[in-house]
Amino acid sequence: MDRIAIDPEVLAGKPVIKGTRIPVYLIIELLGNGLTEKEVLRQYPTLKKEDIKAALLYASKCIENEETITF
């Protein structure tokens, strides 16, 4: 998780990829909307594959103990 940063001075403390202002939720949202890893990296050239993997792992850990949400 050394690729994720949480700083109250950056995006109101939302988790971002360290050294950027790219929030974890945006990466998850892009992938969830069907973009491939390659497309995300093309849109955000400062990202690395490891950043995308870290975002997915972070999101997974956040919801691991959450209750199920029904839509």
PDB file of N, CA and C in Angstrom:
ATOM      1  N   MET A   1       0.826  -1.198   0.000  1.00  0.00           N
ATOM      2  CA  MET A   1       0.000   0.000   0.000  1.00  0.00           C
ATOM      3  C   MET A   1       0.869   1.261   0.000  1.00  0.00           C
ATOM      4  N   ASP A   2       2.134   1.091  -0.304  1.00  0.00           N
ATOM      5  CA  ASP A   2       3.025   2.250  -0.322  1.00  0.00           C
ATOM      6  C   ASP A   2       2.770   3.157  -1.528  1.00  0.00           C
ATOM      7  N   ARG A   3       1.874   2.769  -2.415  1.00  0.00           N
ATOM      8  CA  ARG A   3       1.554   3.589  -3.586  1.00  0.00           C
ATOM      9  C   ARG A   3       0.326   4.471  -3.350  1.00  0.00           C
ATOM     10  N   ILE A   4      -0.339   4.295  -2.210  1.00  0.00           N
ATOM     11  CA  ILE A   4      -1.548   5.052  -1.887  1.00  0.00           C
ATOM     12  C   ILE A   4      -1.212   6.078  -0.812  1.00  0.00           C
ATOM     13  N   ALA A   5      -1.703   7.293  -1.002  1.00  0.00           N
ATOM     14  CA  ALA A   5      -1.483   8.353  -0.009  1.00  0.00           C
ATOM     15  C   ALA A   5      -2.824   8.932   0.412  1.00  0.00           C
ATOM     16  N   ILE A   6      -2.902   9.263   1.689  1.00  0.00           N
ATOM     17  CA  ILE A   6      -4.079   9.943   2.231  1.00  0.00           C
ATOM     18  C   ILE A   6      -3.564  11.162   2.983  1.00  0.00           C
ATOM     19  N   ASP A   7      -3.907  12.327   2.460  1.00  0.00           N
ATOM     20  CA  ASP A   7      -3.419  13.587   3.018  1.00  0.00           C
ATOM     21  C   ASP A   7      -4.579  14.568   3.035  1.00  0.00           C
ATOM     22  N   PRO A   8      -4.926  15.102   4.201  1.00  0.00           N
ATOM     23  CA  PRO A   8      -6.057  16.033   4.274  1.00  0.00           C
ATOM     24  C   PRO A   8      -5.887  17.264   3.372  1.00  0.00           C
ATOM     25  N   GLU A   9      -4.659  17.548   2.958  1.00  0.00           N
ATOM     26  CA  GLU A   9      -4.396  18.693   2.089  1.00  0.00           C
ATOM     27  C   GLU A   9      -4.575  18.375   0.599  1.00  0.00           C
ATOM     28  N   VAL A  10      -4.762  17.106   0.290  1.00  0.00           N
ATOM     29  CA  VAL A  10      -4.918  16.680  -1.112  1.00  0.00           C
ATOM     30  C   VAL A  10      -6.289  16.038  -1.284  1.00  0.00           C
ATOM     31  N   LEU A  11      -7.111  16.639  -2.127  1.00  0.00           N
ATOM     32  CA  LEU A  11      -8.465  16.136  -2.418  1.00  0.00           C
ATOM     33  C   LEU A  11      -9.257  15.822  -1.148  1.00  0.00           C
ATOM     34  N   ALA A  12      -9.144  16.689  -0.193  1.00  0.00           N
ATOM     35  CA  ALA A  12      -9.891  16.567   1.070  1.00  0.00           C
ATOM     36  C   ALA A  12      -9.654  15.229   1.769  1.00  0.00           C
ATOM     37  N   GLY A  13      -8.455  14.691   1.618  1.00  0.00           N
ATOM     38  CA  GLY A  13      -8.112  13.465   2.327  1.00  0.00           C
ATOM     39  C   GLY A  13      -8.545  12.180   1.647  1.00  0.00           C
ATOM     40  N   LYS A  14      -9.067  12.265   0.429  1.00  0.00           N
ATOM     41  CA  LYS A  14      -9.436  11.044  -0.290  1.00  0.00           C
ATOM     42  C   LYS A  14      -8.148  10.308  -0.686  1.00  0.00           C
ATOM     43  N   PRO A  15      -8.184   8.978  -0.705  1.00  0.00           N
ATOM     44  CA  PRO A  15      -6.990   8.231  -1.094  1.00  0.00           C
ATOM     45  C   PRO A  15      -6.639   8.491  -2.560  1.00  0.00           C
ATOM     46  N   VAL A  16      -5.373   8.787  -2.801  1.00  0.00           N
ATOM     47  CA  VAL A  16      -4.870   9.060  -4.149  1.00  0.00           C
ATOM     48  C   VAL A  16      -3.629   8.216  -4.394  1.00  0.00           C
ATOM     49  N   ILE A  17      -3.239   8.137  -5.650  1.00  0.00           N
ATOM     50  CA  ILE A  17      -1.966   7.507  -5.975  1.00  0.00           C
ATOM     51  C   ILE A  17      -0.870   8.480  -5.545  1.00  0.00           C
ATOM     52  N   LYS A  18       0.053   7.974  -4.754  1.00  0.00           N
ATOM     53  CA  LYS A  18       1.115   8.813  -4.187  1.00  0.00           C
ATOM     54  C   LYS A  18       1.838   9.593  -5.280  1.00  0.00           C
ATOM     55  N   GLY A  19       2.035  10.882  -5.017  1.00  0.00           N
ATOM     56  CA  GLY A  19       2.730  11.744  -5.948  1.00  0.00           C
ATOM     57  C   GLY A  19       1.848  12.309  -7.046  1.00  0.00           C
ATOM     58  N   THR A  20       0.550  11.991  -6.985  1.00  0.00           N
ATOM     59  CA  THR A  20      -0.401  12.505  -7.980  1.00  0.00           C
ATOM     60  C   THR A  20      -1.624  13.044  -7.245  1.00  0.00           C
ATOM     61  N   ARG A  21      -2.538  13.571  -8.014  1.00  0.00           N
ATOM     62  CA  ARG A  21      -3.847  13.948  -7.469  1.00  0.00           C
ATOM     63  C   ARG A  21      -4.919  13.045  -8.075  1.00  0.00           C
ATOM     64  N   ILE A  22      -4.517  11.861  -8.489  1.00  0.00           N
ATOM     65  CA  ILE A  22      -5.442  10.911  -9.101  1.00  0.00           C
ATOM     66  C   ILE A  22      -6.022  10.036  -8.003  1.00  0.00           C
ATOM     67  N   PRO A  23      -7.340  10.190  -7.746  1.00  0.00           N
ATOM     68  CA  PRO A  23      -7.948   9.432  -6.656  1.00  0.00           C
ATOM     69  C   PRO A  23      -8.165   7.959  -7.009  1.00  0.00           C
ATOM     70  N   VAL A  24      -8.071   7.133  -5.997  1.00  0.00           N
ATOM     71  CA  VAL A  24      -8.302   5.699  -6.149  1.00  0.00           C
ATOM     72  C   VAL A  24      -9.682   5.454  -6.748  1.00  0.00           C
ATOM     73  N   TYR A  25     -10.697   6.189  -6.279  1.00  0.00           N
ATOM     74  CA  TYR A  25     -12.053   5.934  -6.763  1.00  0.00           C
ATOM     75  C   TYR A  25     -12.158   6.153  -8.264  1.00  0.00           C
ATOM     76  N   LEU A  26     -11.396   7.092  -8.815  1.00  0.00           N
ATOM     77  CA  LEU A  26     -11.456   7.358 -10.249  1.00  0.00           C
ATOM     78  C   LEU A  26     -10.931   6.161 -11.041  1.00  0.00           C
ATOM     79  N   ILE A  27      -9.861   5.580 -10.592  1.00  0.00           N
ATOM     80  CA  ILE A  27      -9.300   4.404 -11.274  1.00  0.00           C
ATOM     81  C   ILE A  27     -10.305   3.259 -11.250  1.00  0.00           C
ATOM     82  N   ILE A  28     -10.905   3.025 -10.091  1.00  0.00           N
ATOM     83  CA  ILE A  28     -11.895   1.955  -9.961  1.00  0.00           C
ATOM     84  C   ILE A  28     -13.092   2.237 -10.866  1.00  0.00           C
ATOM     85  N   GLU A  29     -13.532   3.478 -10.886  1.00  0.00           N
ATOM     86  CA  GLU A  29     -14.676   3.869 -11.713  1.00  0.00           C
ATOM     87  C   GLU A  29     -14.385   3.664 -13.201  1.00  0.00           C
ATOM     88  N   LEU A  30     -13.207   4.066 -13.641  1.00  0.00           N
ATOM     89  CA  LEU A  30     -12.841   3.900 -15.046  1.00  0.00           C
ATOM     90  C   LEU A  30     -12.831   2.429 -15.441  1.00  0.00           C
ATOM     91  N   LEU A  31     -12.218   1.601 -14.609  1.00  0.00           N
ATOM     92  CA  LEU A  31     -12.186   0.169 -14.888  1.00  0.00           C
ATOM     93  C   LEU A  31     -13.593  -0.425 -14.850  1.00  0.00           C
ATOM     94  N   GLY A  32     -14.394   0.015 -13.899  1.00  0.00           N
ATOM     95  CA  GLY A  32     -15.767  -0.469 -13.776  1.00  0.00           C
ATOM     96  C   GLY A  32     -16.646  -0.074 -14.942  1.00  0.00           C
ATOM     97  N   ASN A  33     -16.282   1.022 -15.595  1.00  0.00           N
ATOM     98  CA  ASN A  33     -17.040   1.470 -16.767  1.00  0.00           C
ATOM     99  C   ASN A  33     -16.506   0.868 -18.060  1.00  0.00           C
ATOM    100  N   GLY A  34     -15.575  -0.078 -17.941  1.00  0.00           N
ATOM    101  CA  GLY A  34     -15.155  -0.827 -19.108  1.00  0.00           C
ATOM    102  C   GLY A  34     -13.832  -0.439 -19.728  1.00  0.00           C
ATOM    103  N   LEU A  35     -13.154   0.575 -19.211  1.00  0.00           N
ATOM    104  CA  LEU A  35     -11.847   0.905 -19.756  1.00  0.00           C
ATOM    105  C   LEU A  35     -10.857  -0.195 -19.391  1.00  0.00           C
ATOM    106  N   THR A  36      -9.955  -0.456 -20.280  1.00  0.00           N
ATOM    107  CA  THR A  36      -8.914  -1.434 -19.983  1.00  0.00           C
ATOM    108  C   THR A  36      -7.789  -0.740 -19.217  1.00  0.00           C
ATOM    109  N   GLU A  37      -6.935  -1.557 -18.629  1.00  0.00           N
ATOM    110  CA  GLU A  37      -5.778  -1.008 -17.926  1.00  0.00           C
ATOM    111  C   GLU A  37      -4.955  -0.138 -18.876  1.00  0.00           C
ATOM    112  N   LYS A  38      -4.786  -0.613 -20.094  1.00  0.00           N
ATOM    113  CA  LYS A  38      -4.015   0.126 -21.098  1.00  0.00           C
ATOM    114  C   LYS A  38      -4.642   1.490 -21.393  1.00  0.00           C
ATOM    115  N   GLU A  39      -5.969   1.537 -21.479  1.00  0.00           N
ATOM    116  CA  GLU A  39      -6.661   2.798 -21.754  1.00  0.00           C
ATOM    117  C   GLU A  39      -6.512   3.774 -20.586  1.00  0.00           C
ATOM    118  N   VAL A  40      -6.592   3.259 -19.375  1.00  0.00           N
ATOM    119  CA  VAL A  40      -6.418   4.114 -18.199  1.00  0.00           C
ATOM    120  C   VAL A  40      -5.002   4.697 -18.193  1.00  0.00           C
ATOM    121  N   LEU A  41      -4.023   3.852 -18.472  1.00  0.00           N
ATOM    122  CA  LEU A  41      -2.633   4.318 -18.503  1.00  0.00           C
ATOM    123  C   LEU A  41      -2.415   5.341 -19.615  1.00  0.00           C
ATOM    124  N   ARG A  42      -3.122   5.181 -20.715  1.00  0.00           N
ATOM    125  CA  ARG A  42      -3.008   6.143 -21.812  1.00  0.00           C
ATOM    126  C   ARG A  42      -3.617   7.486 -21.412  1.00  0.00           C
ATOM    127  N   GLN A  43      -4.747   7.453 -20.714  1.00  0.00           N
ATOM    128  CA  GLN A  43      -5.404   8.691 -20.285  1.00  0.00           C
ATOM    129  C   GLN A  43      -4.641   9.387 -19.167  1.00  0.00           C
ATOM    130  N   TYR A  44      -3.959   8.624 -18.346  1.00  0.00           N
ATOM    131  CA  TYR A  44      -3.219   9.167 -17.204  1.00  0.00           C
ATOM    132  C   TYR A  44      -1.777   8.651 -17.266  1.00  0.00           C
ATOM    133  N   PRO A  45      -0.957   9.274 -18.107  1.00  0.00           N
ATOM    134  CA  PRO A  45       0.396   8.757 -18.346  1.00  0.00           C
ATOM    135  C   PRO A  45       1.325   8.765 -17.130  1.00  0.00           C
ATOM    136  N   THR A  46       0.963   9.471 -16.078  1.00  0.00           N
ATOM    137  CA  THR A  46       1.802   9.432 -14.873  1.00  0.00           C
ATOM    138  C   THR A  46       1.579   8.153 -14.059  1.00  0.00           C
ATOM    139  N   LEU A  47       0.498   7.441 -14.364  1.00  0.00           N
ATOM    140  CA  LEU A  47       0.209   6.189 -13.657  1.00  0.00           C
ATOM    141  C   LEU A  47       1.078   5.058 -14.190  1.00  0.00           C
ATOM    142  N   LYS A  48       1.283   4.074 -13.332  1.00  0.00           N
ATOM    143  CA  LYS A  48       1.966   2.843 -13.710  1.00  0.00           C
ATOM    144  C   LYS A  48       1.018   1.674 -13.437  1.00  0.00           C
ATOM    145  N   LYS A  49       1.298   0.530 -14.045  1.00  0.00           N
ATOM    146  CA  LYS A  49       0.465  -0.657 -13.819  1.00  0.00           C
ATOM    147  C   LYS A  49       0.347  -0.962 -12.328  1.00  0.00           C
ATOM    148  N   GLU A  50       1.435  -0.779 -11.613  1.00  0.00           N
ATOM    149  CA  GLU A  50       1.438  -1.068 -10.179  1.00  0.00           C
ATOM    150  C   GLU A  50       0.481  -0.153  -9.420  1.00  0.00           C
ATOM    151  N   ASP A  51       0.280   1.074  -9.929  1.00  0.00           N
ATOM    152  CA  ASP A  51      -0.666   1.998  -9.298  1.00  0.00           C
ATOM    153  C   ASP A  51      -2.092   1.488  -9.435  1.00  0.00           C
ATOM    154  N   ILE A  52      -2.414   0.960 -10.600  1.00  0.00           N
ATOM    155  CA  ILE A  52      -3.759   0.413 -10.818  1.00  0.00           C
ATOM    156  C   ILE A  52      -3.977  -0.791  -9.920  1.00  0.00           C
ATOM    157  N   LYS A  53      -3.004  -1.656  -9.830  1.00  0.00           N
ATOM    158  CA  LYS A  53      -3.112  -2.822  -8.949  1.00  0.00           C
ATOM    159  C   LYS A  53      -3.267  -2.382  -7.492  1.00  0.00           C
ATOM    160  N   ALA A  54      -2.512  -1.366  -7.090  1.00  0.00           N
ATOM    161  CA  ALA A  54      -2.620  -0.866  -5.716  1.00  0.00           C
ATOM    162  C   ALA A  54      -4.003  -0.283  -5.448  1.00  0.00           C
ATOM    163  N   ALA A  55      -4.572   0.414  -6.426  1.00  0.00           N
ATOM    164  CA  ALA A  55      -5.909   0.981  -6.267  1.00  0.00           C
ATOM    165  C   ALA A  55      -6.939  -0.123  -6.094  1.00  0.00           C
ATOM    166  N   LEU A  56      -6.826  -1.171  -6.887  1.00  0.00           N
ATOM    167  CA  LEU A  56      -7.763  -2.304  -6.772  1.00  0.00           C
ATOM    168  C   LEU A  56      -7.614  -2.998  -5.420  1.00  0.00           C
ATOM    169  N   LEU A  57      -6.393  -3.197  -4.984  1.00  0.00           N
ATOM    170  CA  LEU A  57      -6.162  -3.841  -3.687  1.00  0.00           C
ATOM    171  C   LEU A  57      -6.688  -2.972  -2.556  1.00  0.00           C
ATOM    172  N   TYR A  58      -6.452  -1.668  -2.644  1.00  0.00           N
ATOM    173  CA  TYR A  58      -6.944  -0.752  -1.619  1.00  0.00           C
ATOM    174  C   TYR A  58      -8.464  -0.813  -1.541  1.00  0.00           C
ATOM    175  N   ALA A  59      -9.121  -0.759  -2.683  1.00  0.00           N
ATOM    176  CA  ALA A  59     -10.588  -0.818  -2.706  1.00  0.00           C
ATOM    177  C   ALA A  59     -11.086  -2.139  -2.131  1.00  0.00           C
ATOM    178  N   SER A  60     -10.409  -3.216  -2.466  1.00  0.00           N
ATOM    179  CA  SER A  60     -10.783  -4.527  -1.954  1.00  0.00           C
ATOM    180  C   SER A  60     -10.690  -4.573  -0.432  1.00  0.00           C
ATOM    181  N   LYS A  61      -9.593  -4.046   0.108  1.00  0.00           N
ATOM    182  CA  LYS A  61      -9.418  -4.040   1.566  1.00  0.00           C
ATOM    183  C   LYS A  61     -10.457  -3.156   2.249  1.00  0.00           C
ATOM    184  N   CYS A  62     -10.843  -2.063   1.590  1.00  0.00           N
ATOM    185  CA  CYS A  62     -11.837  -1.162   2.178  1.00  0.00           C
ATOM    186  C   CYS A  62     -13.204  -1.812   2.300  1.00  0.00           C
ATOM    187  N   ILE A  63     -13.543  -2.644   1.328  1.00  0.00           N
ATOM    188  CA  ILE A  63     -14.897  -3.227   1.357  1.00  0.00           C
ATOM    189  C   ILE A  63     -14.918  -4.644   1.933  1.00  0.00           C
ATOM    190  N   GLU A  64     -13.763  -5.160   2.272  1.00  0.00           N
ATOM    191  CA  GLU A  64     -13.670  -6.531   2.772  1.00  0.00           C
ATOM    192  C   GLU A  64     -14.614  -6.793   3.947  1.00  0.00           C
ATOM    193  N   ASN A  65     -14.724  -5.858   4.858  1.00  0.00           N
ATOM    194  CA  ASN A  65     -15.551  -6.067   6.045  1.00  0.00           C
ATOM    195  C   ASN A  65     -16.827  -5.237   6.045  1.00  0.00           C
ATOM    196  N   GLU A  66     -17.156  -4.664   4.894  1.00  0.00           N
ATOM    197  CA  GLU A  66     -18.366  -3.858   4.794  1.00  0.00           C
ATOM    198  C   GLU A  66     -19.591  -4.753   4.626  1.00  0.00           C
ATOM    199  N   GLU A  67     -20.733  -4.195   4.937  1.00  0.00           N
ATOM    200  CA  GLU A  67     -21.980  -4.903   4.712  1.00  0.00           C
ATOM    201  C   GLU A  67     -22.325  -4.883   3.231  1.00  0.00           C
ATOM    202  N   THR A  68     -23.112  -5.840   2.811  1.00  0.00           N
ATOM    203  CA  THR A  68     -23.542  -5.910   1.433  1.00  0.00           C
ATOM    204  C   THR A  68     -24.521  -4.778   1.132  1.00  0.00           C
ATOM    205  N   ILE A  69     -24.326  -4.159  -0.017  1.00  0.00           N
ATOM    206  CA  ILE A  69     -25.223  -3.087  -0.459  1.00  0.00           C
ATOM    207  C   ILE A  69     -26.079  -3.647  -1.589  1.00  0.00           C
ATOM    208  N   THR A  70     -27.386  -3.460  -1.483  1.00  0.00           N
ATOM    209  CA  THR A  70     -28.263  -3.918  -2.568  1.00  0.00           C
ATOM    210  C   THR A  70     -28.663  -2.714  -3.417  1.00  0.00           C
ATOM    211  N   PHE A  71     -28.717  -2.927  -4.697  1.00  0.00           N
ATOM    212  CA  PHE A  71     -29.063  -1.849  -5.630  1.00  0.00           C
ATOM    213  C   PHE A  71     -30.449  -2.047  -6.168  1.00  0.00           C
TER     214      PHE A  71
END
